C-alpha cells in the first residue's frame, strides 16, 4: 500500500521513495535504453564512485522522482508539451531534504537549458530523447535567463547533477539498488529535520 503524500514524515519518506523505485523503477525512461530506475541509480552510482558528497549522490538519485509523483505520469517521446516533472519532484522532497538536494531536482531541467546556452558542446552530449524534451522545455536559455540562473547559491551542485543525469543512460550498467543508498538518504533527512 502506498503512503498518501499528506502522511509523509521524516520517519517514512525513505521507505516511500524506496517503494517508488521498487514498484515503478522498471518503467520506460523517455525512449532511452535504460529504465527510469536504472537511470537514477546510475547517476547516484557514478557520483558515489567519484567520491561525491551525499548531497550530490542523493540529488542524482532523486532528480527525476517527479516522473513518478507527477499527476501527469511519465514523459514519452510522443509528448507535445512539458510535464514539469522537476516541480512535482521538488514538491515531494522540499519538506525533508536540504535545499541543495531539492534544487538539484527542481532545476535539473533548467540546468540542461543553461548548459546548452553557455557551453554549446554540451548539446552534443544529449540523447535524442533529451533533445526532444529540451525543445518542449523552452530550448537553450536566453542571456537574461542565464544571468538569473547563475544567482542560485546551489548552481555548482545543480550542474554536477545535470552531468550525472546525462551520464546515467548506459544500457547494462550494474548498480546497487535503492536500498544501498537509503542510509545516505536518511542521513540527509535527519540532518534537515534536526534529528541526530
Protein backbone atom coordinates (compact mmCIF):
# COMPACT_ATOMS: atom_id res chain seq x y z
CA UNK A 1 0.00 0.00 0.00
CA UNK A 2 1.26 3.48 -0.89
CA UNK A 3 1.58 6.18 1.76
CA UNK A 4 -0.58 9.22 0.86
CA UNK A 5 1.58 12.32 0.40
CA UNK A 6 -0.06 14.17 3.28
CA UNK A 7 1.02 11.32 5.58
CA UNK A 8 4.68 11.52 4.67
CA UNK A 9 7.04 12.15 7.59
CA UNK A 10 10.76 12.08 8.22
CA UNK A 11 10.22 8.54 9.52
CA UNK A 12 8.61 7.16 6.36
CA UNK A 13 9.85 9.31 3.45
CA UNK A 14 12.80 6.99 2.69
CA UNK A 15 10.54 3.94 2.65
CA UNK A 16 8.10 5.84 0.42
CA UNK A 17 10.92 6.60 -2.04
CA UNK A 18 12.19 3.02 -1.88
CA UNK A 19 8.70 1.74 -2.71
CA UNK A 20 8.58 4.01 -5.76
CA UNK A 21 11.82 2.54 -7.06
CA UNK A 22 10.60 -0.99 -6.37
CA UNK A 23 7.13 -0.54 -7.88
CA UNK A 24 7.88 1.74 -10.80
CA UNK A 25 11.62 1.71 -11.42
CA UNK A 26 11.28 -0.64 -14.38
CA UNK A 27 9.18 1.84 -16.34
CA UNK A 28 10.48 3.17 -19.66
CA UNK A 29 12.67 6.25 -19.44
CA UNK A 30 11.73 8.63 -22.22
CA UNK A 31 12.79 6.36 -25.04
CA UNK A 32 16.26 5.76 -23.57
CA UNK A 33 17.98 2.36 -23.40
CA UNK A 34 17.60 2.28 -19.61
CA UNK A 35 14.59 2.26 -17.31
CA UNK A 36 13.69 5.17 -15.04
CA UNK A 37 15.12 3.38 -12.01
CA UNK A 38 18.31 2.37 -13.81
CA UNK A 39 18.82 5.96 -14.94
CA UNK A 40 18.62 7.44 -11.43
CA UNK A 41 20.62 4.61 -9.85
CA UNK A 42 23.35 5.02 -12.46
CA UNK A 43 23.73 8.73 -11.72
CA UNK A 44 23.95 8.05 -7.98
CA UNK A 45 26.42 5.19 -8.52
CA UNK A 46 28.70 7.29 -10.71
CA UNK A 47 28.61 10.06 -8.10
CA UNK A 48 29.42 7.60 -5.33
CA UNK A 49 32.27 6.03 -7.32
CA UNK A 50 33.75 9.51 -7.81
CA UNK A 51 33.64 10.34 -4.10
CA UNK A 52 30.95 12.99 -4.36
CA UNK A 53 29.24 14.19 -1.16
CA UNK A 54 25.90 12.79 -0.04
CA UNK A 55 24.02 15.83 -1.39
CA UNK A 56 25.23 15.13 -4.95
CA UNK A 57 24.70 11.36 -4.69
CA UNK A 58 21.18 11.77 -3.33
CA UNK A 59 20.45 14.65 -5.72
CA UNK A 60 21.35 12.37 -8.64
CA UNK A 61 19.35 9.51 -7.15
CA UNK A 62 16.19 11.58 -6.77
CA UNK A 63 16.41 14.20 -9.52
CA UNK A 64 13.77 12.51 -11.69
CA UNK A 65 11.47 11.29 -8.90
CA UNK A 66 8.83 13.69 -10.21
CA UNK A 67 8.23 11.39 -13.17
CA UNK A 68 6.65 9.06 -10.61
CA UNK A 69 4.95 11.64 -8.39
CA UNK A 70 3.54 13.94 -11.07
CA UNK A 71 -0.19 13.69 -11.62
CA UNK A 72 0.59 13.61 -15.35
CA UNK A 73 2.71 10.46 -15.25
CA UNK A 74 5.93 9.80 -17.13
CA UNK A 75 7.06 11.74 -20.18
CA UNK A 76 7.13 9.95 -23.51
CA UNK A 77 8.64 10.71 -26.92
CA UNK A 78 5.11 11.34 -28.18
CA UNK A 79 4.51 14.24 -25.76
CA UNK A 80 4.00 17.64 -27.29
CA UNK A 81 4.24 19.66 -24.09
CA UNK A 82 6.41 19.62 -20.99
CA UNK A 83 5.00 17.93 -17.88
CA UNK A 84 7.18 19.81 -15.35
CA UNK A 85 8.26 16.66 -13.52
CA UNK A 86 11.03 18.67 -11.85
CA UNK A 87 8.47 20.73 -9.94
CA UNK A 88 6.45 17.66 -8.96
CA UNK A 89 9.58 16.00 -7.58
CA UNK A 90 10.80 19.07 -5.71
CA UNK A 91 7.38 19.43 -4.11
CA UNK A 92 7.74 15.97 -2.55
CA UNK A 93 11.36 16.47 -1.47
CA UNK A 94 11.41 20.03 -0.11
CA UNK A 95 9.93 19.18 3.32
CA UNK A 96 12.55 16.52 4.01
CA UNK A 97 15.80 17.47 2.28
CA UNK A 98 18.23 20.38 2.31
CA UNK A 99 17.73 22.98 -0.40
CA UNK A 100 20.72 21.69 -2.37
CA UNK A 101 19.02 18.31 -2.94
CA UNK A 102 15.67 19.89 -3.69
CA UNK A 103 17.31 22.38 -6.07
CA UNK A 104 19.10 19.55 -7.91
CA UNK A 105 15.64 18.14 -8.60
CA UNK A 106 13.83 21.43 -9.22
CA UNK A 107 16.46 22.88 -11.55
CA UNK A 108 17.97 19.92 -13.43
CA UNK A 109 15.83 20.78 -16.47
CA UNK A 110 16.87 24.42 -16.25
CA UNK A 111 20.48 23.26 -15.95
CA UNK A 112 20.20 21.48 -19.30
CA UNK A 113 18.85 24.67 -20.87
CA UNK A 114 21.63 26.65 -19.14
CA UNK A 115 24.43 24.38 -20.32
CA UNK A 116 23.09 24.35 -23.89
CA UNK A 117 23.21 28.17 -23.80
CA UNK A 118 26.60 28.57 -22.14
CA UNK A 119 28.51 25.51 -23.40
CA UNK A 120 27.42 24.76 -26.97
CA UNK A 121 29.40 21.49 -26.93
CA UNK A 122 27.07 20.25 -24.18
CA UNK A 123 24.27 19.89 -26.72
CA UNK A 124 26.33 17.18 -28.46
CA UNK A 125 26.12 15.04 -25.28
CA UNK A 126 22.34 14.96 -25.36
CA UNK A 127 20.48 11.83 -26.41
CA UNK A 128 17.66 12.05 -28.93
CA UNK A 129 15.11 11.92 -26.09
CA UNK A 130 16.91 14.67 -24.21
CA UNK A 131 16.92 16.89 -27.30
CA UNK A 132 13.18 16.24 -27.70
CA UNK A 133 12.47 17.22 -24.11
CA UNK A 134 14.78 20.26 -24.41
CA UNK A 135 12.62 21.55 -27.23
CA UNK A 136 9.49 21.10 -25.11
CA UNK A 137 11.18 22.79 -22.13
CA UNK A 138 12.00 26.02 -23.94
CA UNK A 139 15.34 25.29 -25.63
CA UNK A 140 18.60 26.95 -24.56
CA UNK A 141 18.24 29.81 -22.08
CA UNK A 142 18.26 33.43 -23.12
CA UNK A 143 21.04 35.69 -21.80
CA UNK A 144 18.59 37.08 -19.24
CA UNK A 145 17.63 33.58 -18.07
CA UNK A 146 21.33 32.62 -17.82
CA UNK A 147 22.09 35.64 -15.62
CA UNK A 148 19.16 34.85 -13.34
CA UNK A 149 20.02 31.15 -13.11
CA UNK A 150 23.61 31.92 -12.14
CA UNK A 151 22.35 33.61 -8.96
CA UNK A 152 21.31 30.25 -7.46
CA UNK A 153 23.62 29.50 -4.49
CA UNK A 154 23.48 25.78 -5.37
CA UNK A 155 24.47 26.29 -9.02
CA UNK A 156 27.62 24.16 -8.79
CA UNK A 157 25.74 21.18 -7.34
CA UNK A 158 22.83 21.53 -9.77
CA UNK A 159 25.27 21.46 -12.71
CA UNK A 160 27.07 18.43 -11.23
CA UNK A 161 23.78 16.52 -11.03
CA UNK A 162 22.92 17.59 -14.59
CA UNK A 163 26.13 15.98 -15.86
CA UNK A 164 25.27 12.84 -13.88
CA UNK A 165 21.81 12.93 -15.46
CA UNK A 166 23.36 12.68 -18.94
CA UNK A 167 25.89 10.05 -17.80
CA UNK A 168 23.20 7.78 -16.33
CA UNK A 169 21.97 6.31 -19.60
CA UNK A 170 24.23 3.28 -20.09
CA UNK A 171 22.49 0.09 -21.16
CA UNK A 172 23.51 -2.88 -18.99
CA UNK A 173 25.44 -0.91 -16.34
CA UNK A 174 25.46 -2.72 -12.99
CA UNK A 175 24.37 -0.63 -10.00
CA UNK A 176 23.28 -1.25 -6.44
CA UNK A 177 19.57 -0.88 -5.75
CA UNK A 178 17.88 1.95 -3.87
CA UNK A 179 18.38 0.21 -0.51
CA UNK A 180 22.14 0.63 -0.90
CA UNK A 181 21.69 4.41 -0.91
CA UNK A 182 18.90 4.51 1.70
CA UNK A 183 21.23 5.22 4.68
CA UNK A 184 22.64 8.27 2.87
CA UNK A 185 19.13 9.44 2.05
CA UNK A 186 18.02 9.01 5.69
CA UNK A 187 21.11 10.88 6.98
CA UNK A 188 20.22 13.90 4.88
CA UNK A 189 16.59 13.75 6.02
CA UNK A 190 17.60 13.52 9.66
CA UNK A 191 20.06 16.41 9.35
CA UNK A 192 17.47 18.56 7.61
CA UNK A 193 14.72 17.99 10.16
CA UNK A 194 17.18 18.40 13.05
CA UNK A 195 17.48 14.83 14.29
CA UNK A 196 20.71 13.10 15.29
